[in-house]
Amino acid sequence: MNTSSSQSLSDSTSPRTIIITGAAGGIGRATVHLFAEKGWRVIGVDRAPFGEFPPRGIFVRGDITDPAGLDELFAQTRACTDQVHALVNNAAVQVAKPIIDTTVEEWDAVMTANLRSVFMGVKLFHPLLKASGQGAVVNVSSVHAVATSKNIAAYAASKGGLLALTRAMAIEFAPENIRVNAILPGAVDTQMLRAGLVRDHAGGGSLQERLENLASKTVNGRVGTPDEIARAIYFLADSEQSSFMTGQALIVDGGATARLSTE
């Protein structure tokens, strides 16, 4: 793993610390910047480069599907703090293929990135979350966990599994005052969403036409922005705003799942 930091993290102040996986993606990047603006110390990790990371934060370039990569992330975190107040499990991969065309290797890659990495990461960072006295885990699931479409089965299954894992963790970690919730974004304008438009669920035509058609399927009549999802993640991570929430699934989809598909 490569590490970049704008300054030392072991100064005299003690801001709340958050770890964000998939930090270089659309939702991850927006979440990094929001928490930094709110005064949190942000530790981000991603396989892709980030660029200029917020001051007082640290970016670790690495692969959280690799146990050695997670160990390195933990070591970098432990070197600067003995407490973690929030862990946002945002990293994910998507395979957009029919079930019969999806290989075992592709299926396993999706499950490893979207589900197993959360299991491993939470186990690893549990002592630091417990030490904070008010830890929070936010698992970034998807509306595909509750209502899906064709040619995205592996992704939907992994996100559905993440909901079950969220509930299990919430029950087990409650005695240690660690809350665990999931957020389920709908159509959000990210690179992953645009790449997934190769499926015909949003109709044909140009990329812009497909985006517009997808937007028309929401009650709000538009797709979401990464900043909107970041603010919902902040709500779930902040112990002052969501202190009585745990084991819950918060859908943020512009009302898409509120409308009957037959209408």
C-alpha atoms as a PDB file:
ATOM      1  CA  MET A   1       0.000   0.000   0.000  1.00  0.00           C
ATOM      2  CA  ASN A   2       1.072   3.570  -0.676  1.00  0.00           C
ATOM      3  CA  THR A   3       0.237   6.238   1.871  1.00  0.00           C
ATOM      4  CA  SER A   4      -0.102   9.987   1.427  1.00  0.00           C
ATOM      5  CA  SER A   5      -0.838  12.529   4.131  1.00  0.00           C
ATOM      6  CA  SER A   6      -0.844  16.310   4.144  1.00  0.00           C
ATOM      7  CA  GLN A   7       0.494  16.575   7.694  1.00  0.00           C
ATOM      8  CA  SER A   8       1.044  14.618  10.869  1.00  0.00           C
ATOM      9  CA  LEU A   9      -2.061  13.096  12.389  1.00  0.00           C
ATOM     10  CA  SER A  10      -0.674  12.867  15.897  1.00  0.00           C
ATOM     11  CA  ASP A  11      -1.014  16.534  16.862  1.00  0.00           C
ATOM     12  CA  SER A  12      -2.525  17.862  20.073  1.00  0.00           C
ATOM     13  CA  THR A  13      -6.125  18.004  18.835  1.00  0.00           C
ATOM     14  CA  SER A  14      -8.369  14.971  18.850  1.00  0.00           C
ATOM     15  CA  PRO A  15     -11.034  15.145  16.150  1.00  0.00           C
ATOM     16  CA  ARG A  16     -13.372  12.266  15.539  1.00  0.00           C
ATOM     17  CA  THR A  17     -11.846   9.728  13.151  1.00  0.00           C
ATOM     18  CA  ILE A  18     -13.591   8.013  10.264  1.00  0.00           C
ATOM     19  CA  ILE A  19     -12.417   5.347   7.830  1.00  0.00           C
ATOM     20  CA  ILE A  20     -13.933   5.388   4.346  1.00  0.00           C
ATOM     21  CA  THR A  21     -13.357   2.564   1.897  1.00  0.00           C
ATOM     22  CA  GLY A  22     -13.763   3.151  -1.816  1.00  0.00           C
ATOM     23  CA  ALA A  23     -12.680   6.702  -1.075  1.00  0.00           C
ATOM     24  CA  ALA A  24     -11.715   7.632  -4.640  1.00  0.00           C
ATOM     25  CA  GLY A  25     -15.095   6.827  -6.206  1.00  0.00           C
ATOM     26  CA  GLY A  26     -18.019   9.183  -6.670  1.00  0.00           C
ATOM     27  CA  ILE A  27     -19.833   8.600  -3.375  1.00  0.00           C
ATOM     28  CA  GLY A  28     -16.601   7.884  -1.513  1.00  0.00           C
ATOM     29  CA  ARG A  29     -14.942  11.101  -2.640  1.00  0.00           C
ATOM     30  CA  ALA A  30     -17.981  13.201  -1.723  1.00  0.00           C
ATOM     31  CA  THR A  31     -18.094  11.521   1.678  1.00  0.00           C
ATOM     32  CA  VAL A  32     -14.405  12.183   2.287  1.00  0.00           C
ATOM     33  CA  HIS A  33     -14.813  15.887   1.606  1.00  0.00           C
ATOM     34  CA  LEU A  34     -17.997  16.250   3.672  1.00  0.00           C
ATOM     35  CA  PHE A  35     -16.539  14.658   6.795  1.00  0.00           C
ATOM     36  CA  ALA A  36     -13.355  16.680   6.411  1.00  0.00           C
ATOM     37  CA  GLU A  37     -15.422  19.870   6.185  1.00  0.00           C
ATOM     38  CA  LYS A  38     -17.229  18.831   9.366  1.00  0.00           C
ATOM     39  CA  GLY A  39     -13.919  18.588  11.203  1.00  0.00           C
ATOM     40  CA  TRP A  40     -13.426  14.834  11.207  1.00  0.00           C
ATOM     41  CA  ARG A  41     -10.060  13.214  10.655  1.00  0.00           C
ATOM     42  CA  VAL A  42     -10.561  11.132   7.508  1.00  0.00           C
ATOM     43  CA  ILE A  43      -8.651   7.990   6.625  1.00  0.00           C
ATOM     44  CA  GLY A  44      -9.498   6.856   3.103  1.00  0.00           C
ATOM     45  CA  VAL A  45      -8.551   3.745   1.170  1.00  0.00           C
ATOM     46  CA  ASP A  46      -8.984   2.811  -2.466  1.00  0.00           C
ATOM     47  CA  ARG A  47      -7.237   0.869  -5.213  1.00  0.00           C
ATOM     48  CA  ALA A  48      -7.429   3.973  -7.416  1.00  0.00           C
ATOM     49  CA  PRO A  49      -5.477   7.178  -6.746  1.00  0.00           C
ATOM     50  CA  PHE A  50      -7.256  10.034  -5.005  1.00  0.00           C
ATOM     51  CA  GLY A  51      -5.224  13.124  -5.793  1.00  0.00           C
ATOM     52  CA  GLU A  52      -5.029  15.851  -3.144  1.00  0.00           C
ATOM     53  CA  PHE A  53      -6.495  14.466   0.057  1.00  0.00           C
ATOM     54  CA  PRO A  54      -8.024  16.810   2.662  1.00  0.00           C
ATOM     55  CA  PRO A  55      -5.700  18.328   5.266  1.00  0.00           C
ATOM     56  CA  ARG A  56      -5.127  16.318   8.449  1.00  0.00           C
ATOM     57  CA  GLY A  57      -6.304  13.225   6.626  1.00  0.00           C
ATOM     58  CA  ILE A  58      -4.503  10.225   5.250  1.00  0.00           C
ATOM     59  CA  PHE A  59      -5.072   8.276   2.071  1.00  0.00           C
ATOM     60  CA  VAL A  60      -3.931   4.683   1.754  1.00  0.00           C
ATOM     61  CA  ARG A  61      -3.827   3.243  -1.725  1.00  0.00           C
ATOM     62  CA  GLY A  62      -4.520  -0.451  -1.484  1.00  0.00           C
ATOM     63  CA  ASP A  63      -6.902  -3.341  -1.920  1.00  0.00           C
ATOM     64  CA  ILE A  64      -9.262  -4.138   0.964  1.00  0.00           C
ATOM     65  CA  THR A  65     -10.169  -7.494  -0.576  1.00  0.00           C
ATOM     66  CA  ASP A  66      -6.652  -8.605   0.377  1.00  0.00           C
ATOM     67  CA  PRO A  67      -6.256  -9.409   4.101  1.00  0.00           C
ATOM     68  CA  ALA A  68      -2.709  -8.042   3.930  1.00  0.00           C
ATOM     69  CA  GLY A  69      -4.082  -4.799   2.545  1.00  0.00           C
ATOM     70  CA  LEU A  70      -6.538  -4.490   5.400  1.00  0.00           C
ATOM     71  CA  ASP A  71      -3.771  -5.205   7.890  1.00  0.00           C
ATOM     72  CA  GLU A  72      -1.751  -2.369   6.409  1.00  0.00           C
ATOM     73  CA  LEU A  73      -4.741  -0.021   6.635  1.00  0.00           C
ATOM     74  CA  PHE A  74      -5.180  -0.969  10.278  1.00  0.00           C
ATOM     75  CA  ALA A  75      -1.491  -0.378  10.979  1.00  0.00           C
ATOM     76  CA  GLN A  76      -1.631   3.071   9.373  1.00  0.00           C
ATOM     77  CA  THR A  77      -4.732   3.896  11.401  1.00  0.00           C
ATOM     78  CA  ARG A  78      -3.367   2.571  14.682  1.00  0.00           C
ATOM     79  CA  ALA A  79      -0.195   4.598  14.217  1.00  0.00           C
ATOM     80  CA  CYS A  80      -2.165   7.828  14.513  1.00  0.00           C
ATOM     81  CA  THR A  81      -5.104   7.011  16.772  1.00  0.00           C
ATOM     82  CA  ASP A  82      -6.429   4.471  19.244  1.00  0.00           C
ATOM     83  CA  GLN A  83     -10.064   5.233  18.433  1.00  0.00           C
ATOM     84  CA  VAL A  84     -12.260   5.100  15.356  1.00  0.00           C
ATOM     85  CA  HIS A  85     -15.650   6.770  15.602  1.00  0.00           C
ATOM     86  CA  ALA A  86     -17.064   5.623  12.275  1.00  0.00           C
ATOM     87  CA  LEU A  87     -16.352   3.106   9.541  1.00  0.00           C
ATOM     88  CA  VAL A  88     -18.007   3.575   6.156  1.00  0.00           C
ATOM     89  CA  ASN A  89     -17.893   0.423   4.045  1.00  0.00           C
ATOM     90  CA  ASN A  90     -18.369   1.957   0.625  1.00  0.00           C
ATOM     91  CA  ALA A  91     -15.997   0.056  -1.680  1.00  0.00           C
ATOM     92  CA  ALA A  92     -17.774  -2.097  -4.254  1.00  0.00           C
ATOM     93  CA  VAL A  93     -17.530  -3.640  -7.690  1.00  0.00           C
ATOM     94  CA  GLN A  94     -20.322  -4.420 -10.103  1.00  0.00           C
ATOM     95  CA  VAL A  95     -20.643  -7.058 -12.801  1.00  0.00           C
ATOM     96  CA  ALA A  96     -23.445  -6.334 -15.265  1.00  0.00           C
ATOM     97  CA  LYS A  97     -24.112  -9.684 -16.909  1.00  0.00           C
ATOM     98  CA  PRO A  98     -26.872 -12.255 -17.177  1.00  0.00           C
ATOM     99  CA  ILE A  99     -26.625 -14.961 -14.530  1.00  0.00           C
ATOM    100  CA  ILE A 100     -25.776 -17.692 -17.036  1.00  0.00           C
ATOM    101  CA  ASP A 101     -22.933 -15.577 -18.475  1.00  0.00           C
ATOM    102  CA  THR A 102     -21.448 -14.669 -15.088  1.00  0.00           C
ATOM    103  CA  THR A 103     -18.387 -16.743 -14.308  1.00  0.00           C
ATOM    104  CA  VAL A 104     -17.604 -18.196 -10.899  1.00  0.00           C
ATOM    105  CA  GLU A 105     -14.560 -15.935 -10.784  1.00  0.00           C
ATOM    106  CA  GLU A 106     -16.704 -12.846 -11.410  1.00  0.00           C
ATOM    107  CA  TRP A 107     -19.254 -13.933  -8.817  1.00  0.00           C
ATOM    108  CA  ASP A 108     -16.524 -14.492  -6.237  1.00  0.00           C
ATOM    109  CA  ALA A 109     -14.892 -11.138  -7.038  1.00  0.00           C
ATOM    110  CA  VAL A 110     -18.160  -9.307  -6.380  1.00  0.00           C
ATOM    111  CA  MET A 111     -18.801 -11.165  -3.125  1.00  0.00           C
ATOM    112  CA  THR A 112     -15.235 -10.613  -1.961  1.00  0.00           C
ATOM    113  CA  ALA A 113     -15.287  -6.876  -2.632  1.00  0.00           C
ATOM    114  CA  ASN A 114     -18.846  -6.096  -1.565  1.00  0.00           C
ATOM    115  CA  LEU A 115     -19.445  -8.484   1.315  1.00  0.00           C
ATOM    116  CA  ARG A 116     -16.401 -10.334   2.582  1.00  0.00           C
ATOM    117  CA  SER A 117     -14.345  -7.131   2.846  1.00  0.00           C
ATOM    118  CA  VAL A 118     -16.989  -5.668   5.176  1.00  0.00           C
ATOM    119  CA  PHE A 119     -16.892  -8.757   7.389  1.00  0.00           C
ATOM    120  CA  MET A 120     -13.092  -8.640   7.564  1.00  0.00           C
ATOM    121  CA  GLY A 121     -12.879  -4.882   8.034  1.00  0.00           C
ATOM    122  CA  VAL A 122     -15.403  -4.717  10.852  1.00  0.00           C
ATOM    123  CA  LYS A 123     -13.674  -7.563  12.681  1.00  0.00           C
ATOM    124  CA  LEU A 124     -10.346  -5.805  12.365  1.00  0.00           C
ATOM    125  CA  PHE A 125     -11.489  -2.336  13.429  1.00  0.00           C
ATOM    126  CA  HIS A 126     -13.900  -3.487  16.115  1.00  0.00           C
ATOM    127  CA  PRO A 127     -11.497  -2.739  19.017  1.00  0.00           C
ATOM    128  CA  LEU A 128     -10.982   0.843  17.803  1.00  0.00           C
ATOM    129  CA  LEU A 129     -14.719   1.368  17.272  1.00  0.00           C
ATOM    130  CA  LYS A 130     -15.375   0.034  20.763  1.00  0.00           C
ATOM    131  CA  ALA A 131     -12.690   2.291  22.246  1.00  0.00           C
ATOM    132  CA  SER A 132     -14.457   5.395  20.935  1.00  0.00           C
ATOM    133  CA  GLY A 133     -17.447   4.689  23.162  1.00  0.00           C
ATOM    134  CA  GLN A 134     -19.826   5.741  20.392  1.00  0.00           C
ATOM    135  CA  GLY A 135     -18.793   3.839  17.282  1.00  0.00           C
ATOM    136  CA  ALA A 136     -20.827   3.712  14.110  1.00  0.00           C
ATOM    137  CA  VAL A 137     -20.637   1.477  11.052  1.00  0.00           C
ATOM    138  CA  VAL A 138     -22.332   2.581   7.851  1.00  0.00           C
ATOM    139  CA  ASN A 139     -22.591  -0.088   5.174  1.00  0.00           C
ATOM    140  CA  VAL A 140     -23.268   1.239   1.690  1.00  0.00           C
ATOM    141  CA  SER A 141     -25.724  -1.235   0.240  1.00  0.00           C
ATOM    142  CA  SER A 142     -28.035  -0.478  -2.697  1.00  0.00           C
ATOM    143  CA  VAL A 143     -31.696  -0.402  -3.678  1.00  0.00           C
ATOM    144  CA  HIS A 144     -30.786  -3.547  -5.621  1.00  0.00           C
ATOM    145  CA  ALA A 145     -30.926  -5.278  -2.228  1.00  0.00           C
ATOM    146  CA  VAL A 146     -34.703  -4.793  -2.131  1.00  0.00           C
ATOM    147  CA  ALA A 147     -35.772  -4.256  -5.756  1.00  0.00           C
ATOM    148  CA  THR A 148     -33.542  -5.198  -8.637  1.00  0.00           C
ATOM    149  CA  SER A 149     -33.470  -5.715 -12.402  1.00  0.00           C
ATOM    150  CA  LYS A 150     -31.992  -8.145 -14.877  1.00  0.00           C
ATOM    151  CA  ASN A 151     -28.314  -8.716 -15.602  1.00  0.00           C
ATOM    152  CA  ILE A 152     -27.007  -7.615 -12.223  1.00  0.00           C
ATOM    153  CA  ALA A 153     -27.590 -10.660 -10.028  1.00  0.00           C
ATOM    154  CA  ALA A 154     -24.171 -10.903  -8.354  1.00  0.00           C
ATOM    155  CA  TYR A 155     -24.245  -7.260  -7.305  1.00  0.00           C
ATOM    156  CA  ALA A 156     -27.832  -7.503  -6.031  1.00  0.00           C
ATOM    157  CA  ALA A 157     -27.063 -10.659  -4.061  1.00  0.00           C
ATOM    158  CA  SER A 158     -24.010  -9.087  -2.442  1.00  0.00           C
ATOM    159  CA  LYS A 159     -25.952  -5.986  -1.433  1.00  0.00           C
ATOM    160  CA  GLY A 160     -28.807  -8.096  -0.063  1.00  0.00           C
ATOM    161  CA  GLY A 161     -26.302 -10.055   1.988  1.00  0.00           C
ATOM    162  CA  LEU A 162     -24.930  -6.778   3.293  1.00  0.00           C
ATOM    163  CA  LEU A 163     -28.350  -5.927   4.747  1.00  0.00           C
ATOM    164  CA  ALA A 164     -28.455  -9.210   6.658  1.00  0.00           C
ATOM    165  CA  LEU A 165     -24.903  -8.653   7.882  1.00  0.00           C
ATOM    166  CA  THR A 166     -25.853  -5.135   8.987  1.00  0.00           C
ATOM    167  CA  ARG A 167     -28.657  -6.456  11.182  1.00  0.00           C
ATOM    168  CA  ALA A 168     -26.445  -9.196  12.646  1.00  0.00           C
ATOM    169  CA  MET A 169     -23.669  -6.745  13.498  1.00  0.00           C
ATOM    170  CA  ALA A 170     -26.130  -4.277  15.031  1.00  0.00           C
ATOM    171  CA  ILE A 171     -27.385  -6.957  17.415  1.00  0.00           C
ATOM    172  CA  GLU A 172     -23.947  -8.237  18.388  1.00  0.00           C
ATOM    173  CA  PHE A 173     -22.271  -4.850  18.809  1.00  0.00           C
ATOM    174  CA  ALA A 174     -25.044  -3.001  20.644  1.00  0.00           C
ATOM    175  CA  PRO A 175     -23.669  -3.847  24.109  1.00  0.00           C
ATOM    176  CA  GLU A 176     -20.473  -2.028  23.134  1.00  0.00           C
ATOM    177  CA  ASN A 177     -22.396   1.051  21.978  1.00  0.00           C
ATOM    178  CA  ILE A 178     -21.511   0.478  18.327  1.00  0.00           C
ATOM    179  CA  ARG A 179     -24.373   1.273  15.988  1.00  0.00           C
ATOM    180  CA  VAL A 180     -24.569  -0.411  12.571  1.00  0.00           C
ATOM    181  CA  ASN A 181     -26.814   0.832   9.773  1.00  0.00           C
ATOM    182  CA  ALA A 182     -26.995   0.542   6.007  1.00  0.00           C
ATOM    183  CA  ILE A 183     -27.713   3.132   3.373  1.00  0.00           C
ATOM    184  CA  LEU A 184     -29.327   2.062   0.113  1.00  0.00           C
ATOM    185  CA  PRO A 185     -28.627   4.561  -2.676  1.00  0.00           C
ATOM    186  CA  GLY A 186     -30.770   4.477  -5.779  1.00  0.00           C
ATOM    187  CA  ALA A 187     -29.660   5.910  -9.117  1.00  0.00           C
ATOM    188  CA  VAL A 188     -26.747   8.224  -8.336  1.00  0.00           C
ATOM    189  CA  ASP A 189     -24.645   9.850 -11.031  1.00  0.00           C
ATOM    190  CA  THR A 190     -21.359   8.010 -10.575  1.00  0.00           C
ATOM    191  CA  GLN A 191     -18.980   6.239 -12.902  1.00  0.00           C
ATOM    192  CA  MET A 192     -20.393   2.908 -11.726  1.00  0.00           C
ATOM    193  CA  LEU A 193     -23.920   3.986 -12.669  1.00  0.00           C
ATOM    194  CA  ARG A 194     -22.829   5.183 -16.098  1.00  0.00           C
ATOM    195  CA  ALA A 195     -20.869   2.000 -16.746  1.00  0.00           C
ATOM    196  CA  GLY A 196     -23.919  -0.050 -15.766  1.00  0.00           C
ATOM    197  CA  LEU A 197     -26.063   1.649 -18.393  1.00  0.00           C
ATOM    198  CA  VAL A 198     -24.738  -0.854 -20.913  1.00  0.00           C
ATOM    199  CA  ARG A 199     -27.641  -2.949 -19.680  1.00  0.00           C
ATOM    200  CA  ASP A 200     -30.892  -2.107 -21.434  1.00  0.00           C
ATOM    201  CA  HIS A 201     -32.833  -1.408 -18.224  1.00  0.00           C
ATOM    202  CA  ALA A 202     -32.712   2.317 -19.040  1.00  0.00           C
ATOM    203  CA  GLY A 203     -33.597   1.893 -22.705  1.00  0.00           C
ATOM    204  CA  GLY A 204     -31.438   2.557 -25.723  1.00  0.00           C
ATOM    205  CA  GLY A 205     -29.993   5.672 -27.263  1.00  0.00           C
ATOM    206  CA  SER A 206     -27.082   7.792 -26.133  1.00  0.00           C
ATOM    207  CA  LEU A 207     -25.672   7.839 -22.612  1.00  0.00           C
ATOM    208  CA  GLN A 208     -27.492  11.102 -21.918  1.00  0.00           C
ATOM    209  CA  GLU A 209     -30.774   9.660 -23.178  1.00  0.00           C
ATOM    210  CA  ARG A 210     -30.356   6.644 -20.932  1.00  0.00           C
ATOM    211  CA  LEU A 211     -29.628   8.874 -17.945  1.00  0.00           C
ATOM    212  CA  GLU A 212     -32.742  10.935 -18.667  1.00  0.00           C
ATOM    213  CA  ASN A 213     -34.867   7.823 -19.007  1.00  0.00           C
ATOM    214  CA  LEU A 214     -33.521   6.508 -15.726  1.00  0.00           C
ATOM    215  CA  ALA A 215     -34.239   9.848 -14.057  1.00  0.00           C
ATOM    216  CA  SER A 216     -37.853   9.726 -15.236  1.00  0.00           C
ATOM    217  CA  LYS A 217     -38.386   6.531 -13.254  1.00  0.00           C
ATOM    218  CA  THR A 218     -37.838   8.285  -9.913  1.00  0.00           C
ATOM    219  CA  VAL A 219     -40.551  10.227  -8.130  1.00  0.00           C
ATOM    220  CA  ASN A 220     -38.225  13.242  -8.017  1.00  0.00           C
ATOM    221  CA  GLY A 221     -37.644  13.014 -11.769  1.00  0.00           C
ATOM    222  CA  ARG A 222     -33.856  13.009 -11.545  1.00  0.00           C
ATOM    223  CA  VAL A 223     -30.886  10.919 -10.507  1.00  0.00           C
ATOM    224  CA  GLY A 224     -29.131  11.675  -7.264  1.00  0.00           C
ATOM    225  CA  THR A 225     -25.751  13.245  -6.659  1.00  0.00           C
ATOM    226  CA  PRO A 226     -22.873  11.801  -4.629  1.00  0.00           C
ATOM    227  CA  ASP A 227     -23.130  14.785  -2.265  1.00  0.00           C
ATOM    228  CA  GLU A 228     -26.719  13.829  -1.413  1.00  0.00           C
ATOM    229  CA  ILE A 229     -25.662  10.314  -0.470  1.00  0.00           C
ATOM    230  CA  ALA A 230     -22.708  11.658   1.525  1.00  0.00           C
ATOM    231  CA  ARG A 231     -25.051  13.768   3.651  1.00  0.00           C
ATOM    232  CA  ALA A 232     -27.193  10.722   4.417  1.00  0.00           C
ATOM    233  CA  ILE A 233     -24.058   8.773   5.362  1.00  0.00           C
ATOM    234  CA  TYR A 234     -23.077  11.610   7.673  1.00  0.00           C
ATOM    235  CA  PHE A 235     -26.458  11.403   9.382  1.00  0.00           C
ATOM    236  CA  LEU A 236     -25.987   7.698  10.105  1.00  0.00           C
ATOM    237  CA  ALA A 237     -22.381   8.082  11.230  1.00  0.00           C
ATOM    238  CA  ASP A 238     -22.923  11.043  13.547  1.00  0.00           C
ATOM    239  CA  SER A 239     -23.824   9.823  17.031  1.00  0.00           C
ATOM    240  CA  GLU A 240     -25.655  13.058  17.789  1.00  0.00           C
ATOM    241  CA  GLN A 241     -28.037  12.836  14.837  1.00  0.00           C
ATOM    242  CA  SER A 242     -28.856   9.130  14.708  1.00  0.00           C
ATOM    243  CA  SER A 243     -28.093   7.878  18.208  1.00  0.00           C
ATOM    244  CA  PHE A 244     -31.279   5.756  18.414  1.00  0.00           C
ATOM    245  CA  MET A 245     -30.839   4.097  15.025  1.00  0.00           C
ATOM    246  CA  THR A 246     -29.192   0.733  14.574  1.00  0.00           C
ATOM    247  CA  GLY A 247     -29.794  -2.285  12.356  1.00  0.00           C
ATOM    248  CA  GLN A 248     -31.719  -0.156   9.874  1.00  0.00           C
ATOM    249  CA  ALA A 249     -31.753   0.262   6.104  1.00  0.00           C
ATOM    250  CA  LEU A 250     -32.090   3.863   4.921  1.00  0.00           C
ATOM    251  CA  ILE A 251     -33.231   4.092   1.294  1.00  0.00           C
ATOM    252  CA  VAL A 252     -32.152   7.231  -0.572  1.00  0.00           C
ATOM    253  CA  ASP A 253     -33.462   6.812  -4.097  1.00  0.00           C
ATOM    254  CA  GLY A 254     -35.582   9.797  -5.084  1.00  0.00           C
ATOM    255  CA  GLY A 255     -38.686   7.752  -4.368  1.00  0.00           C
ATOM    256  CA  ALA A 256     -37.980   5.131  -7.045  1.00  0.00           C
ATOM    257  CA  THR A 257     -38.927   2.173  -4.835  1.00  0.00           C
ATOM    258  CA  ALA A 258     -42.061   3.942  -3.587  1.00  0.00           C
ATOM    259  CA  ARG A 259     -43.815   3.649  -6.959  1.00  0.00           C
ATOM    260  CA  LEU A 260     -45.439   0.468  -8.224  1.00  0.00           C
ATOM    261  CA  SER A 261     -43.646  -0.890 -11.263  1.00  0.00           C
ATOM    262  CA  THR A 262     -47.041  -1.369 -12.957  1.00  0.00           C
ATOM    263  CA  GLU A 263     -47.804   2.361 -12.904  1.00  0.00           C
END
